[in-house]
Amino acid sequence: MVLLAAGVAALAVAGALPTVWLNFAGSAGMAWSPLRAAGAAVRGLHRKYGAAVAWSCSVPLWILGGLLALRGLTPLWGDGRLSVRLDVPNPFNLGLMFAFVVLGLMLNAGLCSMVVLRLVRRLQHLSQHDALTGVLNRRGLEQALQQEHDRLRRHGRPYALLTVDVDHFKRINDERGHAAGDAVLVGLAATLREGCRALDRVGRTGGEEFALLLPEADLAAAQAAAARLLDAVRASVHGEAGDAPRITVSLGLVLADDPRESLNEVWRRADAALYAAKSGGRDRAVTAPGRGSAAAPA
């Protein structure tokens, strides 16, 4: 586009084209840059911030490009008095300069807003995600769990909660060091994420303790998911942890389908099922019973 505008301007200067084409070429070349930047801004910002932010931040660029394009087309139907030079004080150039100032302020305000928005979203991400494994931390998981529990109370949609504990994790830290233990936790978090559905949530609730939230899952689907996770963990290899043996986990499974049950009771039943799995020999899943019943293996 720049080469085309330069070629047209050169022909106009040489007299091969009317002088009005010099104004048209210069304005078209200047208009192309903000219009192209506006299109790139919309595409880039739409993916990360949504349509409202994308279009609001690109509006100054669209207006600026449109004014420059209008300046190039005005001599085609005007009386020819519009100067090629932008510093000539005619009404259109004065209005264009004023628009440059206003739109420049708008553009910089939009850029500052994007920087602040990125910082806020980054802080929100850090406040809800575990720094080591990248999954949700306890605060983030509890927020997601509270939303599912509210959905259960309003619409009667059940969900399942899996509590996960690494078997003999202290032995790994004591024998191979905390770096090996951290590598095991990172690998386990990746295994849990890969074994879940897109709508499931994985969180780290403690040192070697994780939890999985399975929205809109019945008991059979939750038990099948627990069995898959047990097999996936058994088959996982943690080469980054040195010569650490293959790890196993104990799972406690609870199905929340009673709107009258509190969220604290759901956690209590899940923890009780996890304790039963560890007491029963580890490397297994135990399903929490209904109220007043005893826990049983899945």
Protein backbone atom coordinates (compact mmCIF):
# COMPACT_ATOMS: atom_id res chain seq x y z
CA MET A 1 0.00 0.00 0.00
CA VAL A 2 2.84 2.40 0.85
CA LEU A 3 4.65 1.62 -2.42
CA LEU A 4 1.44 2.14 -4.38
CA ALA A 5 0.82 5.51 -2.72
CA ALA A 6 4.44 6.55 -3.33
CA GLY A 7 4.17 5.56 -7.00
CA VAL A 8 0.97 7.58 -7.51
CA ALA A 9 2.50 10.57 -5.72
CA ALA A 10 5.62 10.36 -7.91
CA LEU A 11 3.51 10.34 -11.07
CA ALA A 12 1.51 13.32 -9.81
CA VAL A 13 4.67 15.28 -9.03
CA ALA A 14 6.08 14.45 -12.47
CA GLY A 15 2.92 15.77 -14.09
CA ALA A 16 1.70 12.45 -15.43
CA LEU A 17 -1.37 12.63 -13.19
CA PRO A 18 -3.48 15.56 -11.98
CA THR A 19 -2.33 17.23 -8.74
CA VAL A 20 -5.43 16.00 -6.93
CA TRP A 21 -4.02 12.48 -7.15
CA LEU A 22 -1.10 13.55 -4.97
CA ASN A 23 -3.50 14.42 -2.18
CA PHE A 24 -5.43 11.20 -2.77
CA ALA A 25 -2.30 9.02 -2.65
CA GLY A 26 -0.92 10.65 0.47
CA SER A 27 -4.20 10.47 2.35
CA ALA A 28 -4.82 6.88 1.27
CA GLY A 29 -1.38 5.84 2.46
CA MET A 30 -1.92 7.53 5.83
CA ALA A 31 -5.43 6.09 6.19
CA TRP A 32 -4.31 2.53 5.49
CA SER A 33 -2.09 2.34 8.60
CA PRO A 34 -4.72 3.15 11.32
CA LEU A 35 -7.39 1.12 9.53
CA ARG A 36 -5.11 -1.90 9.37
CA ALA A 37 -4.15 -1.40 13.05
CA ALA A 38 -7.83 -1.15 14.00
CA GLY A 39 -8.60 -4.47 12.30
CA ALA A 40 -5.65 -6.15 14.03
CA ALA A 41 -6.74 -4.70 17.39
CA VAL A 42 -10.26 -6.05 17.02
CA ARG A 43 -9.01 -9.54 16.15
CA GLY A 44 -6.44 -9.63 18.95
CA LEU A 45 -8.52 -8.09 21.73
CA HIS A 46 -11.71 -9.98 20.90
CA ARG A 47 -10.13 -13.32 21.83
CA LYS A 48 -8.86 -12.12 25.20
CA TYR A 49 -11.26 -9.41 26.40
CA GLY A 50 -14.44 -9.80 24.38
CA ALA A 51 -16.20 -7.78 21.70
CA ALA A 52 -17.03 -4.72 23.83
CA VAL A 53 -13.42 -4.01 24.83
CA ALA A 54 -12.10 -4.83 21.35
CA TRP A 55 -14.39 -2.42 19.52
CA SER A 56 -14.18 0.38 22.12
CA CYS A 57 -10.36 0.37 22.02
CA SER A 58 -10.28 0.35 18.22
CA VAL A 59 -12.85 3.13 17.68
CA PRO A 60 -10.24 5.96 17.62
CA LEU A 61 -8.25 4.12 14.97
CA TRP A 62 -11.35 3.52 12.84
CA ILE A 63 -12.34 7.21 13.06
CA LEU A 64 -8.80 8.40 12.33
CA GLY A 65 -8.49 6.16 9.30
CA GLY A 66 -11.91 7.24 8.07
CA LEU A 67 -11.04 10.94 8.35
CA LEU A 68 -7.82 10.47 6.43
CA ALA A 69 -9.64 8.50 3.75
CA LEU A 70 -12.29 11.25 3.56
CA ARG A 71 -9.55 13.86 3.15
CA GLY A 72 -8.22 11.96 0.16
CA LEU A 73 -11.65 11.75 -1.48
CA THR A 74 -12.83 15.31 -0.77
CA PRO A 75 -11.02 16.97 -3.74
CA LEU A 76 -12.82 14.63 -6.13
CA TRP A 77 -16.10 16.47 -5.53
CA GLY A 78 -14.73 19.76 -4.06
CA ASP A 79 -13.58 22.92 -5.77
CA GLY A 80 -9.92 21.92 -5.67
CA ARG A 81 -8.91 24.45 -2.99
CA LEU A 82 -7.99 21.74 -0.47
CA SER A 83 -4.22 21.82 -0.12
CA VAL A 84 -2.06 18.74 -0.29
CA ARG A 85 -0.13 19.93 2.74
CA LEU A 86 -1.60 19.19 6.17
CA ASP A 87 -0.11 22.37 7.70
CA VAL A 88 -2.11 24.74 5.46
CA PRO A 89 -4.78 26.40 7.67
CA ASN A 90 -7.95 25.54 5.78
CA PRO A 91 -11.08 24.42 7.68
CA PHE A 92 -10.74 20.73 6.87
CA ASN A 93 -7.08 20.55 7.94
CA LEU A 94 -7.82 22.43 11.17
CA GLY A 95 -10.66 20.05 11.97
CA LEU A 96 -8.43 17.10 11.12
CA MET A 97 -5.68 18.32 13.46
CA PHE A 98 -8.20 18.77 16.27
CA ALA A 99 -9.50 15.25 15.62
CA PHE A 100 -5.91 13.94 15.77
CA VAL A 101 -5.50 15.40 19.27
CA VAL A 102 -8.84 14.10 20.58
CA LEU A 103 -8.47 10.67 19.04
CA GLY A 104 -4.87 10.43 20.26
CA LEU A 105 -6.05 11.05 23.81
CA MET A 106 -8.80 8.46 23.37
CA LEU A 107 -6.33 5.93 21.99
CA ASN A 108 -3.87 6.42 24.85
CA ALA A 109 -6.67 6.19 27.39
CA GLY A 110 -7.73 2.90 25.78
CA LEU A 111 -4.18 1.56 25.90
CA CYS A 112 -3.86 2.52 29.57
CA SER A 113 -7.17 0.80 30.29
CA MET A 114 -5.95 -2.38 28.59
CA VAL A 115 -2.78 -2.38 30.68
CA VAL A 116 -4.80 -1.99 33.89
CA LEU A 117 -7.24 -4.67 32.77
CA ARG A 118 -4.41 -7.11 32.04
CA LEU A 119 -2.88 -6.45 35.46
CA VAL A 120 -6.24 -6.96 37.20
CA ARG A 121 -6.86 -10.22 35.33
CA ARG A 122 -3.35 -11.39 36.12
CA LEU A 123 -3.90 -10.70 39.82
CA GLN A 124 -7.25 -12.51 39.68
CA HIS A 125 -5.57 -15.50 38.07
CA LEU A 126 -2.82 -15.56 40.69
CA SER A 127 -5.35 -15.28 43.52
CA GLN A 128 -7.29 -18.32 42.28
CA HIS A 129 -4.55 -20.62 40.94
CA ASP A 130 -1.79 -22.60 42.57
CA ALA A 131 1.64 -21.18 41.73
CA LEU A 132 3.35 -24.59 41.52
CA THR A 133 0.90 -26.75 39.57
CA GLY A 134 -1.20 -24.16 37.73
CA VAL A 135 -4.52 -25.69 38.83
CA LEU A 136 -7.04 -23.90 41.02
CA ASN A 137 -6.02 -23.24 44.59
CA ARG A 138 -8.40 -23.90 47.48
CA ARG A 139 -9.99 -20.46 47.18
CA GLY A 140 -10.62 -20.84 43.46
CA LEU A 141 -11.97 -24.36 43.86
CA GLU A 142 -14.28 -23.35 46.69
CA GLN A 143 -15.71 -20.56 44.54
CA ALA A 144 -16.41 -23.00 41.70
CA LEU A 145 -17.85 -25.50 44.18
CA GLN A 146 -20.10 -22.86 45.71
CA GLN A 147 -21.47 -22.04 42.25
CA GLU A 148 -22.26 -25.70 41.60
CA HIS A 149 -23.87 -26.07 45.02
CA ASP A 150 -26.04 -23.02 44.34
CA ARG A 151 -27.03 -24.56 41.00
CA LEU A 152 -27.98 -27.76 42.84
CA ARG A 153 -30.22 -25.81 45.20
CA ARG A 154 -31.89 -23.76 42.47
CA HIS A 155 -32.24 -26.31 39.67
CA GLY A 156 -31.62 -29.70 41.33
CA ARG A 157 -28.56 -30.47 39.16
CA PRO A 158 -26.24 -32.91 40.99
CA TYR A 159 -22.46 -32.78 40.95
CA ALA A 160 -19.65 -34.99 42.22
CA LEU A 161 -16.60 -34.10 44.27
CA LEU A 162 -13.42 -36.19 44.29
CA THR A 163 -10.77 -35.66 46.94
CA VAL A 164 -7.30 -36.94 46.03
CA ASP A 165 -4.32 -37.63 48.28
CA VAL A 166 -0.91 -38.90 47.15
CA ASP A 167 0.02 -42.13 48.91
CA HIS A 168 3.24 -42.03 50.96
CA PHE A 169 4.15 -38.59 49.68
CA LYS A 170 6.21 -37.78 52.78
CA ARG A 171 8.48 -40.70 51.92
CA ILE A 172 9.23 -39.13 48.51
CA ASN A 173 10.16 -35.81 50.12
CA ASP A 174 12.29 -37.46 52.80
CA GLU A 175 14.16 -39.86 50.49
CA ARG A 176 14.51 -37.78 47.30
CA GLY A 177 14.09 -34.18 48.39
CA HIS A 178 11.43 -31.55 48.00
CA ALA A 179 12.38 -30.85 44.38
CA ALA A 180 11.38 -34.42 43.50
CA GLY A 181 8.18 -34.01 45.51
CA ASP A 182 7.32 -30.81 43.64
CA ALA A 183 7.93 -32.57 40.31
CA VAL A 184 5.55 -35.34 41.35
CA LEU A 185 2.86 -32.81 42.25
CA VAL A 186 3.25 -30.99 38.92
CA GLY A 187 3.02 -34.28 37.02
CA LEU A 188 0.01 -35.43 39.04
CA ALA A 189 -1.81 -32.15 38.38
CA ALA A 190 -1.20 -32.59 34.65
CA THR A 191 -2.49 -36.18 34.80
CA LEU A 192 -5.65 -35.08 36.62
CA ARG A 193 -6.31 -32.31 34.10
CA GLU A 194 -5.84 -34.66 31.16
CA GLY A 195 -8.24 -37.19 32.65
CA CYS A 196 -11.08 -34.70 33.14
CA ARG A 197 -13.74 -33.24 30.91
CA ALA A 198 -13.49 -29.68 29.69
CA LEU A 199 -16.10 -28.47 32.23
CA ASP A 200 -14.49 -30.25 35.21
CA ARG A 201 -12.33 -28.29 37.66
CA VAL A 202 -9.09 -29.47 39.28
CA GLY A 203 -7.73 -27.80 42.39
CA ARG A 204 -4.95 -28.23 44.89
CA THR A 205 -6.37 -27.99 48.40
CA GLY A 206 -3.24 -28.74 50.44
CA GLY A 207 0.32 -29.99 50.26
CA GLU A 208 -0.26 -33.27 48.41
CA GLU A 209 -4.04 -33.04 48.38
CA PHE A 210 -6.14 -32.28 45.30
CA ALA A 211 -9.84 -32.17 44.56
CA LEU A 212 -11.87 -32.51 41.38
CA LEU A 213 -15.26 -30.96 40.80
CA LEU A 214 -17.43 -32.85 38.29
CA PRO A 215 -20.50 -30.74 37.40
CA GLU A 216 -23.72 -32.50 36.38
CA ALA A 217 -22.28 -35.98 36.98
CA ASP A 218 -24.28 -38.88 38.37
CA LEU A 219 -22.85 -41.60 40.60
CA ALA A 220 -21.99 -44.00 37.77
CA ALA A 221 -20.17 -41.31 35.77
CA ALA A 222 -18.26 -40.15 38.85
CA GLN A 223 -17.17 -43.70 39.74
CA ALA A 224 -16.06 -44.30 36.15
CA ALA A 225 -14.05 -41.07 36.27
CA ALA A 226 -12.45 -42.16 39.56
CA ALA A 227 -11.46 -45.50 38.06
CA ARG A 228 -9.93 -43.80 35.02
CA LEU A 229 -7.95 -41.43 37.20
CA LEU A 230 -6.60 -44.27 39.33
CA ASP A 231 -5.41 -46.09 36.20
CA ALA A 232 -3.93 -42.90 34.72
CA VAL A 233 -1.97 -42.14 37.89
CA ARG A 234 -0.68 -45.70 38.11
CA ALA A 235 0.52 -45.52 34.51
CA SER A 236 2.13 -42.06 34.84
CA VAL A 237 5.92 -41.78 34.86
CA HIS A 238 7.66 -38.96 36.71
CA GLY A 239 11.10 -38.98 35.18
CA GLU A 240 11.72 -35.42 36.34
CA ALA A 241 11.56 -36.74 39.92
CA GLY A 242 14.68 -38.88 39.49
CA ASP A 243 14.31 -42.53 40.42
CA ALA A 244 11.05 -41.97 42.30
CA PRO A 245 8.76 -44.98 42.02
CA ARG A 246 5.40 -44.85 40.33
CA ILE A 247 2.98 -43.10 42.60
CA THR A 248 -0.56 -44.02 43.59
CA VAL A 249 -3.38 -41.96 45.02
CA SER A 250 -6.36 -42.50 47.28
CA LEU A 251 -9.71 -41.06 46.21
CA GLY A 252 -12.76 -40.06 48.17
CA LEU A 253 -15.91 -39.65 46.09
CA VAL A 254 -19.10 -37.92 47.09
CA LEU A 255 -22.23 -37.29 45.03
CA ALA A 256 -24.09 -34.11 45.97
CA ASP A 257 -27.71 -34.51 44.92
CA ASP A 258 -29.63 -33.32 47.98
CA PRO A 259 -30.42 -29.57 47.92
CA ARG A 260 -30.91 -29.62 51.69
CA GLU A 261 -27.30 -30.66 52.32
CA SER A 262 -24.83 -27.92 53.20
CA LEU A 263 -21.56 -27.46 51.38
CA ASN A 264 -19.61 -28.13 54.57
CA GLU A 265 -21.33 -31.50 54.88
CA VAL A 266 -20.35 -32.34 51.29
CA TRP A 267 -16.72 -31.63 52.17
CA ARG A 268 -17.03 -33.66 55.37
CA ARG A 269 -18.41 -36.70 53.54
CA ALA A 270 -15.70 -36.42 50.86
CA ASP A 271 -12.95 -36.24 53.50
CA ALA A 272 -14.46 -39.22 55.33
CA ALA A 273 -14.47 -41.25 52.11
CA LEU A 274 -10.84 -40.29 51.47
CA TYR A 275 -9.88 -41.36 54.98
CA ALA A 276 -11.66 -44.68 54.41
CA ALA A 277 -9.70 -45.19 51.18
CA LYS A 278 -6.39 -44.59 52.94
CA SER A 279 -7.36 -46.78 55.88
CA GLY A 280 -8.46 -49.55 53.50
CA GLY A 281 -5.04 -49.95 51.91
CA ARG A 282 -4.64 -46.86 49.64
CA ASP A 283 -4.55 -46.87 45.82
CA ARG A 284 -8.33 -47.10 45.67
CA ALA A 285 -11.49 -45.01 45.52
CA VAL A 286 -14.20 -45.05 48.17
CA THR A 287 -17.65 -43.63 47.56
CA ALA A 288 -19.21 -41.67 50.38
CA PRO A 289 -22.64 -43.03 51.32
CA GLY A 290 -25.75 -41.05 51.99
CA ARG A 291 -26.35 -39.62 55.42
CA GLY A 292 -26.16 -42.17 58.19
CA SER A 293 -24.58 -44.94 56.07
CA ALA A 294 -21.09 -46.42 56.06
CA ALA A 295 -18.57 -45.72 53.28
CA ALA A 296 -18.07 -48.43 50.69
CA PRO A 297 -15.44 -49.01 47.97
CA ALA A 298 -16.38 -47.74 44.52
